[in-house]
Amino acid sequence: MGDPATTTFALDTRPLGATGLSVSLRRWRAWLGAPAATPAYDPATLADLRIRFHQTRVHDALLHHHEGFSAVRAGKPTGGEGGVTLILVRRGSAELQVGRDTHAVPAGSFAIRRLDRPASFTNGPHTAGLSITLPGAGLVPVLGDRVAHGPADTAEMRLLTAYANLLRRTAPDLSPPGARAARDALVELAAAVIRGAVGPADPRTAPALVQAAKELMAARLADRDLGPATLARELHVSTRTLQRAFAAGGESVAACIRDHRLGRARQDLVDAAGRLSVAEIAARWRFADGGHFSRAFKRRYGTTPTGYVADHTRAP
């Protein structure tokens, strides 16, 4: 499992029988280490519980990527120390019952609530998403007594989910101080989601901002107007803020775009050999002309595009 500050737990209930399910749930509760942290499933849910999930503990934060195949209904006891949980629904639908109030969370939206209020939830069949449980010290003053709602495609939520996805891959390698720093960044990003704005000068949000920019960049490499200003506008930050975030990691936005495009072009040189000329590939990935593309390609890979194709053709 690794360092106690950065551990993971995965479960897929679909191949389990009643005995296997009971044992797995006990192991999950033992891993969490707090009885109040696990849902109290109702009997109908337990009779046909088909879910799979992957949990990552980062210091005292918990990331829960889940996918359900059956409907799920459960109660949530109050959590210790006044924590906060964020629920993001990517597919399907969820419903929260907090006190007398019912909160619908359809696909493409999120809700944030305090854990010191008893609640229950219902997930429809084929519901998938992400939940993040965080300490409440930095978030309860921002959230107050409300349940906050919003769309999943805001810049703030994109930053938070990009960082959560990054931590799912990298958290097991973090040292305890690194895990605490990652937890602090999650709290800052969640506070930004609640406020509806990202603090532009906070260095703890820079890795998440860079990750979100790279994901957006990869999806729009063929766009003619892709550049630092376009990415910054889409992420609701200033161009200067985006450039500073990249500079903190020793990169530049423009160079990152160019390198991504060169990588795609290099793949095209092989995959589309004989069907696309060098000039056509250069135009496809928005280089000014074949000469500009060839010079950039040689600086990056040490050979010209035609030389790369020749070397690849000769290779066994």
C-alpha atoms as a PDB file:
ATOM      1  CA  MET A   1       0.000   0.000   0.000  1.00  0.00           C
ATOM      2  CA  GLY A   2       2.956   2.353   0.387  1.00  0.00           C
ATOM      3  CA  ASP A   3       3.358   5.260   2.802  1.00  0.00           C
ATOM      4  CA  PRO A   4       0.304   5.742   5.091  1.00  0.00           C
ATOM      5  CA  ALA A   5      -0.005   9.326   3.835  1.00  0.00           C
ATOM      6  CA  THR A   6      -0.413   8.181   0.229  1.00  0.00           C
ATOM      7  CA  THR A   7      -2.266   4.892  -0.186  1.00  0.00           C
ATOM      8  CA  THR A   8      -4.793   3.467  -2.610  1.00  0.00           C
ATOM      9  CA  PHE A   9      -7.683   1.016  -2.489  1.00  0.00           C
ATOM     10  CA  ALA A  10      -9.608  -0.447  -5.433  1.00  0.00           C
ATOM     11  CA  LEU A  11     -12.749  -2.562  -5.431  1.00  0.00           C
ATOM     12  CA  ASP A  12     -14.961  -4.108  -8.103  1.00  0.00           C
ATOM     13  CA  THR A  13     -17.998  -5.820  -6.578  1.00  0.00           C
ATOM     14  CA  ARG A  14     -19.341  -7.308  -9.810  1.00  0.00           C
ATOM     15  CA  PRO A  15     -17.532 -10.681  -9.652  1.00  0.00           C
ATOM     16  CA  LEU A  16     -18.089 -11.067  -5.891  1.00  0.00           C
ATOM     17  CA  GLY A  17     -20.699 -13.230  -4.232  1.00  0.00           C
ATOM     18  CA  ALA A  18     -22.366 -12.343  -0.934  1.00  0.00           C
ATOM     19  CA  THR A  19     -19.428 -13.633   1.116  1.00  0.00           C
ATOM     20  CA  GLY A  20     -16.826 -11.916  -1.038  1.00  0.00           C
ATOM     21  CA  LEU A  21     -18.737  -8.653  -0.915  1.00  0.00           C
ATOM     22  CA  SER A  22     -18.957  -8.753   2.871  1.00  0.00           C
ATOM     23  CA  VAL A  23     -15.222  -9.444   3.206  1.00  0.00           C
ATOM     24  CA  SER A  24     -14.315  -6.718   0.706  1.00  0.00           C
ATOM     25  CA  LEU A  25     -16.459  -4.123   2.450  1.00  0.00           C
ATOM     26  CA  ARG A  26     -14.817  -5.000   5.771  1.00  0.00           C
ATOM     27  CA  ARG A  27     -11.385  -4.555   4.194  1.00  0.00           C
ATOM     28  CA  TRP A  28     -12.467  -1.221   2.755  1.00  0.00           C
ATOM     29  CA  ARG A  29     -13.671  -0.007   6.149  1.00  0.00           C
ATOM     30  CA  ALA A  30     -10.425  -1.156   7.733  1.00  0.00           C
ATOM     31  CA  TRP A  31      -8.436   0.708   5.075  1.00  0.00           C
ATOM     32  CA  LEU A  32     -10.402   3.896   5.676  1.00  0.00           C
ATOM     33  CA  GLY A  33      -9.906   3.520   9.402  1.00  0.00           C
ATOM     34  CA  ALA A  34     -13.070   5.425  10.365  1.00  0.00           C
ATOM     35  CA  PRO A  35     -16.482   3.727  10.567  1.00  0.00           C
ATOM     36  CA  ALA A  36     -18.287   6.973   9.764  1.00  0.00           C
ATOM     37  CA  ALA A  37     -16.404   7.288   6.476  1.00  0.00           C
ATOM     38  CA  THR A  38     -18.190   4.384   4.768  1.00  0.00           C
ATOM     39  CA  PRO A  39     -21.773   4.625   3.504  1.00  0.00           C
ATOM     40  CA  ALA A  40     -24.513   2.669   5.257  1.00  0.00           C
ATOM     41  CA  TYR A  41     -26.066   0.908   2.263  1.00  0.00           C
ATOM     42  CA  ASP A  42     -29.749   0.033   2.437  1.00  0.00           C
ATOM     43  CA  PRO A  43     -30.664  -3.691   2.115  1.00  0.00           C
ATOM     44  CA  ALA A  44     -31.970  -3.397  -1.459  1.00  0.00           C
ATOM     45  CA  THR A  45     -28.668  -1.861  -2.547  1.00  0.00           C
ATOM     46  CA  LEU A  46     -26.592  -4.546  -0.863  1.00  0.00           C
ATOM     47  CA  ALA A  47     -28.673  -7.268  -2.535  1.00  0.00           C
ATOM     48  CA  ASP A  48     -27.423  -6.071  -5.944  1.00  0.00           C
ATOM     49  CA  LEU A  49     -24.377  -3.894  -5.361  1.00  0.00           C
ATOM     50  CA  ARG A  50     -22.497  -3.619  -8.653  1.00  0.00           C
ATOM     51  CA  ILE A  51     -19.908  -0.870  -8.407  1.00  0.00           C
ATOM     52  CA  ARG A  52     -16.222  -0.392  -8.941  1.00  0.00           C
ATOM     53  CA  PHE A  53     -14.067   2.356  -7.550  1.00  0.00           C
ATOM     54  CA  HIS A  54     -10.526   3.498  -6.955  1.00  0.00           C
ATOM     55  CA  GLN A  55      -9.688   5.518  -3.854  1.00  0.00           C
ATOM     56  CA  THR A  56      -6.537   7.494  -3.181  1.00  0.00           C
ATOM     57  CA  ARG A  57      -5.645   8.862   0.234  1.00  0.00           C
ATOM     58  CA  VAL A  58      -3.448  11.960   0.062  1.00  0.00           C
ATOM     59  CA  HIS A  59      -2.549  12.856   3.634  1.00  0.00           C
ATOM     60  CA  ASP A  60      -6.031  13.471   5.143  1.00  0.00           C
ATOM     61  CA  ALA A  61      -7.796  13.994   1.807  1.00  0.00           C
ATOM     62  CA  LEU A  62      -9.603  11.211  -0.032  1.00  0.00           C
ATOM     63  CA  LEU A  63     -10.152  10.957  -3.807  1.00  0.00           C
ATOM     64  CA  HIS A  64     -12.870   8.534  -4.879  1.00  0.00           C
ATOM     65  CA  HIS A  65     -13.254   7.726  -8.599  1.00  0.00           C
ATOM     66  CA  HIS A  66     -16.336   5.553  -8.955  1.00  0.00           C
ATOM     67  CA  GLU A  67     -18.554   3.859 -11.519  1.00  0.00           C
ATOM     68  CA  GLY A  68     -21.875   2.258 -10.599  1.00  0.00           C
ATOM     69  CA  PHE A  69     -23.786  -0.328 -12.604  1.00  0.00           C
ATOM     70  CA  SER A  70     -26.716  -0.739 -10.206  1.00  0.00           C
ATOM     71  CA  ALA A  71     -28.712   1.890  -8.357  1.00  0.00           C
ATOM     72  CA  VAL A  72     -27.181   2.805  -5.002  1.00  0.00           C
ATOM     73  CA  ARG A  73     -28.901   4.254  -1.967  1.00  0.00           C
ATOM     74  CA  ALA A  74     -27.063   4.857   1.283  1.00  0.00           C
ATOM     75  CA  GLY A  75     -26.870   7.056   4.332  1.00  0.00           C
ATOM     76  CA  LYS A  76     -23.818   9.019   5.349  1.00  0.00           C
ATOM     77  CA  PRO A  77     -23.228   9.543   9.072  1.00  0.00           C
ATOM     78  CA  THR A  78     -21.662  12.811  10.129  1.00  0.00           C
ATOM     79  CA  GLY A  79     -17.934  12.946   9.544  1.00  0.00           C
ATOM     80  CA  GLY A  80     -15.341  13.935  12.092  1.00  0.00           C
ATOM     81  CA  GLU A  81     -13.728  17.335  12.396  1.00  0.00           C
ATOM     82  CA  GLY A  82     -16.180  19.110  10.120  1.00  0.00           C
ATOM     83  CA  GLY A  83     -14.862  18.003   6.742  1.00  0.00           C
ATOM     84  CA  VAL A  84     -16.261  18.847   3.323  1.00  0.00           C
ATOM     85  CA  THR A  85     -17.055  16.570   0.396  1.00  0.00           C
ATOM     86  CA  LEU A  86     -17.392  17.453  -3.278  1.00  0.00           C
ATOM     87  CA  ILE A  87     -19.420  15.204  -5.586  1.00  0.00           C
ATOM     88  CA  LEU A  88     -18.951  15.470  -9.349  1.00  0.00           C
ATOM     89  CA  VAL A  89     -21.282  13.448 -11.600  1.00  0.00           C
ATOM     90  CA  ARG A  90     -19.865  12.702 -15.035  1.00  0.00           C
ATOM     91  CA  ARG A  91     -22.545  10.227 -16.157  1.00  0.00           C
ATOM     92  CA  GLY A  92     -25.958   9.282 -14.798  1.00  0.00           C
ATOM     93  CA  SER A  93     -27.466  11.197 -11.882  1.00  0.00           C
ATOM     94  CA  ALA A  94     -27.278  11.544  -8.122  1.00  0.00           C
ATOM     95  CA  GLU A  95     -29.491  13.009  -5.430  1.00  0.00           C
ATOM     96  CA  LEU A  96     -28.472  14.286  -2.004  1.00  0.00           C
ATOM     97  CA  GLN A  97     -30.807  14.524   0.956  1.00  0.00           C
ATOM     98  CA  VAL A  98     -29.351  16.907   3.539  1.00  0.00           C
ATOM     99  CA  GLY A  99     -31.757  17.542   6.377  1.00  0.00           C
ATOM    100  CA  ARG A 100     -35.112  18.349   4.810  1.00  0.00           C
ATOM    101  CA  ASP A 101     -33.592  19.549   1.552  1.00  0.00           C
ATOM    102  CA  THR A 102     -33.157  17.443  -1.598  1.00  0.00           C
ATOM    103  CA  HIS A 103     -30.395  18.392  -4.023  1.00  0.00           C
ATOM    104  CA  ALA A 104     -30.338  16.937  -7.533  1.00  0.00           C
ATOM    105  CA  VAL A 105     -26.891  16.455  -9.077  1.00  0.00           C
ATOM    106  CA  PRO A 106     -27.351  15.603 -12.762  1.00  0.00           C
ATOM    107  CA  ALA A 107     -24.579  14.567 -15.126  1.00  0.00           C
ATOM    108  CA  GLY A 108     -22.192  17.412 -15.822  1.00  0.00           C
ATOM    109  CA  SER A 109     -22.626  19.084 -12.438  1.00  0.00           C
ATOM    110  CA  PHE A 110     -21.255  19.049  -8.904  1.00  0.00           C
ATOM    111  CA  ALA A 111     -22.357  19.650  -5.333  1.00  0.00           C
ATOM    112  CA  ILE A 112     -20.290  20.457  -2.239  1.00  0.00           C
ATOM    113  CA  ARG A 113     -21.556  19.893   1.298  1.00  0.00           C
ATOM    114  CA  ARG A 114     -20.348  19.818   4.871  1.00  0.00           C
ATOM    115  CA  LEU A 115     -19.796  16.447   6.481  1.00  0.00           C
ATOM    116  CA  ASP A 116     -20.987  17.511   9.938  1.00  0.00           C
ATOM    117  CA  ARG A 117     -24.585  17.329   8.706  1.00  0.00           C
ATOM    118  CA  PRO A 118     -26.230  13.883   8.350  1.00  0.00           C
ATOM    119  CA  ALA A 119     -27.131  13.085   4.758  1.00  0.00           C
ATOM    120  CA  SER A 120     -28.201  10.308   2.426  1.00  0.00           C
ATOM    121  CA  PHE A 121     -27.612   9.886  -1.278  1.00  0.00           C
ATOM    122  CA  THR A 122     -29.072   7.999  -4.204  1.00  0.00           C
ATOM    123  CA  ASN A 123     -27.169   7.222  -7.396  1.00  0.00           C
ATOM    124  CA  GLY A 124     -29.075   6.076 -10.443  1.00  0.00           C
ATOM    125  CA  PRO A 125     -27.846   3.011 -12.337  1.00  0.00           C
ATOM    126  CA  HIS A 126     -24.829   3.611 -14.576  1.00  0.00           C
ATOM    127  CA  THR A 127     -23.701   6.665 -12.630  1.00  0.00           C
ATOM    128  CA  ALA A 128     -20.007   7.555 -12.652  1.00  0.00           C
ATOM    129  CA  GLY A 129     -18.009  10.398 -11.242  1.00  0.00           C
ATOM    130  CA  LEU A 130     -15.604  11.661  -8.647  1.00  0.00           C
ATOM    131  CA  SER A 131     -15.918  12.606  -5.005  1.00  0.00           C
ATOM    132  CA  ILE A 132     -13.278  14.402  -2.974  1.00  0.00           C
ATOM    133  CA  THR A 133     -13.323  14.539   0.822  1.00  0.00           C
ATOM    134  CA  LEU A 134     -11.231  17.292   2.392  1.00  0.00           C
ATOM    135  CA  PRO A 135     -10.588  18.741   5.843  1.00  0.00           C
ATOM    136  CA  GLY A 136     -12.984  21.561   6.561  1.00  0.00           C
ATOM    137  CA  ALA A 137     -10.686  24.110   8.206  1.00  0.00           C
ATOM    138  CA  GLY A 138     -10.047  26.078   5.030  1.00  0.00           C
ATOM    139  CA  LEU A 139     -13.370  25.343   3.346  1.00  0.00           C
ATOM    140  CA  VAL A 140     -16.213  25.559   5.869  1.00  0.00           C
ATOM    141  CA  PRO A 141     -15.720  29.343   6.322  1.00  0.00           C
ATOM    142  CA  VAL A 142     -16.095  29.715   2.535  1.00  0.00           C
ATOM    143  CA  LEU A 143     -18.971  27.254   2.166  1.00  0.00           C
ATOM    144  CA  GLY A 144     -20.989  28.245   5.234  1.00  0.00           C
ATOM    145  CA  ASP A 145     -24.124  26.184   5.839  1.00  0.00           C
ATOM    146  CA  ARG A 146     -25.120  25.846   2.207  1.00  0.00           C
ATOM    147  CA  VAL A 147     -24.815  23.026  -0.308  1.00  0.00           C
ATOM    148  CA  ALA A 148     -22.999  24.618  -3.247  1.00  0.00           C
ATOM    149  CA  HIS A 149     -23.877  23.589  -6.812  1.00  0.00           C
ATOM    150  CA  GLY A 150     -22.397  24.301 -10.209  1.00  0.00           C
ATOM    151  CA  PRO A 151     -21.562  22.979 -13.673  1.00  0.00           C
ATOM    152  CA  ALA A 152     -18.623  20.630 -14.091  1.00  0.00           C
ATOM    153  CA  ASP A 153     -17.157  22.546 -17.028  1.00  0.00           C
ATOM    154  CA  THR A 154     -16.195  25.723 -15.170  1.00  0.00           C
ATOM    155  CA  ALA A 155     -12.529  26.644 -15.254  1.00  0.00           C
ATOM    156  CA  GLU A 156     -12.253  26.064 -11.513  1.00  0.00           C
ATOM    157  CA  MET A 157     -13.719  22.561 -11.687  1.00  0.00           C
ATOM    158  CA  ARG A 158     -11.526  21.682 -14.668  1.00  0.00           C
ATOM    159  CA  LEU A 159      -8.485  22.680 -12.632  1.00  0.00           C
ATOM    160  CA  LEU A 160      -9.602  20.611  -9.656  1.00  0.00           C
ATOM    161  CA  THR A 161     -10.458  17.481 -11.654  1.00  0.00           C
ATOM    162  CA  ALA A 162      -7.234  17.709 -13.671  1.00  0.00           C
ATOM    163  CA  TYR A 163      -5.265  17.830 -10.435  1.00  0.00           C
ATOM    164  CA  ALA A 164      -7.272  14.946  -8.951  1.00  0.00           C
ATOM    165  CA  ASN A 165      -6.529  12.839 -12.038  1.00  0.00           C
ATOM    166  CA  LEU A 166      -2.850  13.740 -11.769  1.00  0.00           C
ATOM    167  CA  LEU A 167      -2.760  12.696  -8.107  1.00  0.00           C
ATOM    168  CA  ARG A 168      -4.416   9.375  -8.869  1.00  0.00           C
ATOM    169  CA  ARG A 169      -1.351   8.540 -10.957  1.00  0.00           C
ATOM    170  CA  THR A 170       1.369  10.144  -8.851  1.00  0.00           C
ATOM    171  CA  ALA A 171       0.217  10.084  -5.209  1.00  0.00           C
ATOM    172  CA  PRO A 172       1.783   6.673  -4.386  1.00  0.00           C
ATOM    173  CA  ASP A 173       5.217   8.188  -5.102  1.00  0.00           C
ATOM    174  CA  LEU A 174       4.776  11.234  -2.846  1.00  0.00           C
ATOM    175  CA  SER A 175       6.721  11.657   0.374  1.00  0.00           C
ATOM    176  CA  PRO A 176       4.730  12.669   3.485  1.00  0.00           C
ATOM    177  CA  PRO A 177       5.666  16.366   3.026  1.00  0.00           C
ATOM    178  CA  GLY A 178       4.680  16.071  -0.635  1.00  0.00           C
ATOM    179  CA  ALA A 179       1.344  14.531   0.328  1.00  0.00           C
ATOM    180  CA  ARG A 180       0.626  17.398   2.706  1.00  0.00           C
ATOM    181  CA  ALA A 181       1.474  19.928  -0.008  1.00  0.00           C
ATOM    182  CA  ALA A 182      -0.782  18.092  -2.486  1.00  0.00           C
ATOM    183  CA  ARG A 183      -3.603  18.082   0.079  1.00  0.00           C
ATOM    184  CA  ASP A 184      -3.155  21.840   0.574  1.00  0.00           C
ATOM    185  CA  ALA A 185      -3.393  22.373  -3.182  1.00  0.00           C
ATOM    186  CA  LEU A 186      -6.634  20.358  -3.294  1.00  0.00           C
ATOM    187  CA  VAL A 187      -8.083  22.539  -0.537  1.00  0.00           C
ATOM    188  CA  GLU A 188      -7.102  25.731  -2.364  1.00  0.00           C
ATOM    189  CA  LEU A 189      -8.625  24.501  -5.616  1.00  0.00           C
ATOM    190  CA  ALA A 190     -11.832  23.415  -3.869  1.00  0.00           C
ATOM    191  CA  ALA A 191     -12.064  26.842  -2.237  1.00  0.00           C
ATOM    192  CA  ALA A 192     -11.674  28.367  -5.703  1.00  0.00           C
ATOM    193  CA  VAL A 193     -14.548  26.204  -6.946  1.00  0.00           C
ATOM    194  CA  ILE A 194     -16.735  27.434  -4.096  1.00  0.00           C
ATOM    195  CA  ARG A 195     -15.819  31.053  -4.663  1.00  0.00           C
ATOM    196  CA  GLY A 196     -16.135  30.700  -8.422  1.00  0.00           C
ATOM    197  CA  ALA A 197     -12.710  32.191  -9.021  1.00  0.00           C
ATOM    198  CA  VAL A 198      -9.121  30.969  -9.060  1.00  0.00           C
ATOM    199  CA  GLY A 199      -6.573  32.911  -7.057  1.00  0.00           C
ATOM    200  CA  PRO A 200      -4.146  33.967  -9.801  1.00  0.00           C
ATOM    201  CA  ALA A 201      -1.089  34.404  -7.608  1.00  0.00           C
ATOM    202  CA  ASP A 202      -1.267  31.190  -5.552  1.00  0.00           C
ATOM    203  CA  PRO A 203       1.688  28.943  -6.497  1.00  0.00           C
ATOM    204  CA  ARG A 204      -0.073  25.891  -5.039  1.00  0.00           C
ATOM    205  CA  THR A 205      -2.581  25.956  -7.917  1.00  0.00           C
ATOM    206  CA  ALA A 206       0.120  26.201 -10.628  1.00  0.00           C
ATOM    207  CA  PRO A 207       0.530  22.410 -11.239  1.00  0.00           C
ATOM    208  CA  ALA A 208      -3.232  21.991 -11.631  1.00  0.00           C
ATOM    209  CA  LEU A 209      -3.419  24.984 -13.963  1.00  0.00           C
ATOM    210  CA  VAL A 210      -0.616  23.557 -16.131  1.00  0.00           C
ATOM    211  CA  GLN A 211      -2.269  20.124 -16.201  1.00  0.00           C
ATOM    212  CA  ALA A 212      -5.637  21.587 -17.219  1.00  0.00           C
ATOM    213  CA  ALA A 213      -3.950  23.707 -19.911  1.00  0.00           C
ATOM    214  CA  LYS A 214      -2.131  20.663 -21.333  1.00  0.00           C
ATOM    215  CA  GLU A 215      -5.326  18.621 -21.468  1.00  0.00           C
ATOM    216  CA  LEU A 216      -7.104  21.448 -23.275  1.00  0.00           C
ATOM    217  CA  MET A 217      -4.089  21.921 -25.527  1.00  0.00           C
ATOM    218  CA  ALA A 218      -4.043  18.246 -26.542  1.00  0.00           C
ATOM    219  CA  ALA A 219      -7.705  18.416 -27.540  1.00  0.00           C
ATOM    220  CA  ARG A 220      -7.217  21.532 -29.714  1.00  0.00           C
ATOM    221  CA  LEU A 221      -3.815  21.112 -31.342  1.00  0.00           C
ATOM    222  CA  ALA A 222      -5.266  21.451 -34.827  1.00  0.00           C
ATOM    223  CA  ASP A 223      -6.986  24.763 -34.031  1.00  0.00           C
ATOM    224  CA  ARG A 224      -5.466  27.618 -35.993  1.00  0.00           C
ATOM    225  CA  ASP A 225      -5.795  30.130 -33.145  1.00  0.00           C
ATOM    226  CA  LEU A 226      -4.439  27.904 -30.360  1.00  0.00           C
ATOM    227  CA  GLY A 227      -1.997  29.884 -28.254  1.00  0.00           C
ATOM    228  CA  PRO A 228      -1.354  31.170 -24.724  1.00  0.00           C
ATOM    229  CA  ALA A 229      -4.124  33.762 -24.932  1.00  0.00           C
ATOM    230  CA  THR A 230      -6.682  31.210 -26.151  1.00  0.00           C
ATOM    231  CA  LEU A 231      -5.838  28.742 -23.385  1.00  0.00           C
ATOM    232  CA  ALA A 232      -5.881  31.454 -20.730  1.00  0.00           C
ATOM    233  CA  ARG A 233      -9.269  32.672 -21.906  1.00  0.00           C
ATOM    234  CA  GLU A 234     -10.715  29.149 -21.815  1.00  0.00           C
ATOM    235  CA  LEU A 235      -9.350  28.601 -18.299  1.00  0.00           C
ATOM    236  CA  HIS A 236     -10.556  32.005 -17.054  1.00  0.00           C
ATOM    237  CA  VAL A 237      -7.118  33.240 -16.024  1.00  0.00           C
ATOM    238  CA  SER A 238      -4.876  35.945 -17.434  1.00  0.00           C
ATOM    239  CA  THR A 239      -2.244  35.066 -20.023  1.00  0.00           C
ATOM    240  CA  ARG A 240       0.415  36.247 -17.588  1.00  0.00           C
ATOM    241  CA  THR A 241      -0.903  33.910 -14.874  1.00  0.00           C
ATOM    242  CA  LEU A 242      -0.808  30.948 -17.272  1.00  0.00           C
ATOM    243  CA  GLN A 243       2.712  31.783 -18.426  1.00  0.00           C
ATOM    244  CA  ARG A 244       3.917  32.073 -14.823  1.00  0.00           C
ATOM    245  CA  ALA A 245       2.415  28.682 -13.975  1.00  0.00           C
ATOM    246  CA  PHE A 246       4.324  27.062 -16.870  1.00  0.00           C
ATOM    247  CA  ALA A 247       7.505  28.971 -16.010  1.00  0.00           C
ATOM    248  CA  ALA A 248       7.399  27.555 -12.471  1.00  0.00           C
ATOM    249  CA  GLY A 249       8.015  24.141 -14.058  1.00  0.00           C
ATOM    250  CA  GLY A 250      10.671  25.394 -16.456  1.00  0.00           C
ATOM    251  CA  GLU A 251       8.367  25.434 -19.490  1.00  0.00           C
ATOM    252  CA  SER A 252       6.697  27.965 -21.747  1.00  0.00           C
ATOM    253  CA  VAL A 253       3.179  27.729 -23.123  1.00  0.00           C
ATOM    254  CA  ALA A 254       4.212  28.352 -26.734  1.00  0.00           C
ATOM    255  CA  ALA A 255       7.036  25.789 -26.590  1.00  0.00           C
ATOM    256  CA  CYS A 256       4.702  23.212 -25.094  1.00  0.00           C
ATOM    257  CA  ILE A 257       2.189  23.713 -27.912  1.00  0.00           C
ATOM    258  CA  ARG A 258       4.976  23.439 -30.496  1.00  0.00           C
ATOM    259  CA  ASP A 259       6.364  20.257 -28.945  1.00  0.00           C
ATOM    260  CA  HIS A 260       2.909  18.656 -28.817  1.00  0.00           C
ATOM    261  CA  ARG A 261       2.356  19.517 -32.482  1.00  0.00           C
ATOM    262  CA  LEU A 262       5.770  18.174 -33.454  1.00  0.00           C
ATOM    263  CA  GLY A 263       4.942  14.928 -31.681  1.00  0.00           C
ATOM    264  CA  ARG A 264       1.703  14.554 -33.622  1.00  0.00           C
ATOM    265  CA  ALA A 265       3.471  15.450 -36.868  1.00  0.00           C
ATOM    266  CA  ARG A 266       6.192  12.862 -36.212  1.00  0.00           C
ATOM    267  CA  GLN A 267       3.490  10.218 -35.796  1.00  0.00           C
ATOM    268  CA  ASP A 268       1.832  11.332 -39.040  1.00  0.00           C
ATOM    269  CA  LEU A 269       5.118  11.011 -40.918  1.00  0.00           C
ATOM    270  CA  VAL A 270       4.967   7.280 -40.257  1.00  0.00           C
ATOM    271  CA  ASP A 271       1.238   6.602 -40.161  1.00  0.00           C
ATOM    272  CA  ALA A 272       0.463   8.658 -43.255  1.00  0.00           C
ATOM    273  CA  ALA A 273       3.651   7.875 -45.199  1.00  0.00           C
ATOM    274  CA  GLY A 274       2.919   8.044 -48.927  1.00  0.00           C
ATOM    275  CA  ARG A 275      -0.507   9.629 -48.341  1.00  0.00           C
ATOM    276  CA  LEU A 276       0.505  13.028 -46.938  1.00  0.00           C
ATOM    277  CA  SER A 277       3.467  15.128 -47.973  1.00  0.00           C
ATOM    278  CA  VAL A 278       5.697  16.946 -45.494  1.00  0.00           C
ATOM    279  CA  ALA A 279       4.042  20.221 -46.508  1.00  0.00           C
ATOM    280  CA  GLU A 280       0.563  18.759 -45.893  1.00  0.00           C
ATOM    281  CA  ILE A 281       1.569  17.477 -42.455  1.00  0.00           C
ATOM    282  CA  ALA A 282       3.095  20.876 -41.651  1.00  0.00           C
ATOM    283  CA  ALA A 283      -0.168  22.576 -42.600  1.00  0.00           C
ATOM    284  CA  ARG A 284      -2.246  20.053 -40.654  1.00  0.00           C
ATOM    285  CA  TRP A 285      -0.415  20.918 -37.438  1.00  0.00           C
ATOM    286  CA  ARG A 286      -0.394  24.647 -38.107  1.00  0.00           C
ATOM    287  CA  PHE A 287       3.256  25.266 -38.963  1.00  0.00           C
ATOM    288  CA  ALA A 288       3.748  28.334 -41.171  1.00  0.00           C
ATOM    289  CA  ASP A 289       5.259  26.320 -44.027  1.00  0.00           C
ATOM    290  CA  GLY A 290       7.278  23.214 -44.812  1.00  0.00           C
ATOM    291  CA  GLY A 291      10.602  24.962 -44.214  1.00  0.00           C
ATOM    292  CA  HIS A 292       9.586  26.235 -40.785  1.00  0.00           C
ATOM    293  CA  PHE A 293       8.307  22.774 -39.881  1.00  0.00           C
ATOM    294  CA  SER A 294      11.510  21.058 -41.055  1.00  0.00           C
ATOM    295  CA  ARG A 295      13.735  23.405 -39.039  1.00  0.00           C
ATOM    296  CA  ALA A 296      11.637  22.972 -35.872  1.00  0.00           C
ATOM    297  CA  PHE A 297      11.540  19.192 -36.397  1.00  0.00           C
ATOM    298  CA  LYS A 298      15.323  18.984 -36.766  1.00  0.00           C
ATOM    299  CA  ARG A 299      15.908  21.066 -33.626  1.00  0.00           C
ATOM    300  CA  ARG A 300      13.591  18.767 -31.682  1.00  0.00           C
ATOM    301  CA  TYR A 301      14.558  15.339 -33.069  1.00  0.00           C
ATOM    302  CA  GLY A 302      17.996  15.825 -34.644  1.00  0.00           C
ATOM    303  CA  THR A 303      16.917  14.925 -38.165  1.00  0.00           C
ATOM    304  CA  THR A 304      14.691  16.337 -40.900  1.00  0.00           C
ATOM    305  CA  PRO A 305      11.184  15.001 -41.515  1.00  0.00           C
ATOM    306  CA  THR A 306      12.302  13.246 -44.708  1.00  0.00           C
ATOM    307  CA  GLY A 307      15.310  11.818 -42.888  1.00  0.00           C
ATOM    308  CA  TYR A 308      13.065  10.540 -40.116  1.00  0.00           C
ATOM    309  CA  VAL A 309      10.796   8.779 -42.616  1.00  0.00           C
ATOM    310  CA  ALA A 310      13.814   7.237 -44.358  1.00  0.00           C
ATOM    311  CA  ASP A 311      15.299   6.016 -41.065  1.00  0.00           C
ATOM    312  CA  HIS A 312      11.973   4.578 -40.002  1.00  0.00           C
ATOM    313  CA  THR A 313      11.507   2.817 -43.343  1.00  0.00           C
ATOM    314  CA  ARG A 314      14.956   1.232 -43.104  1.00  0.00           C
ATOM    315  CA  ALA A 315      14.456   0.084 -39.520  1.00  0.00           C
ATOM    316  CA  PRO A 316      13.691  -3.663 -39.152  1.00  0.00           C
END
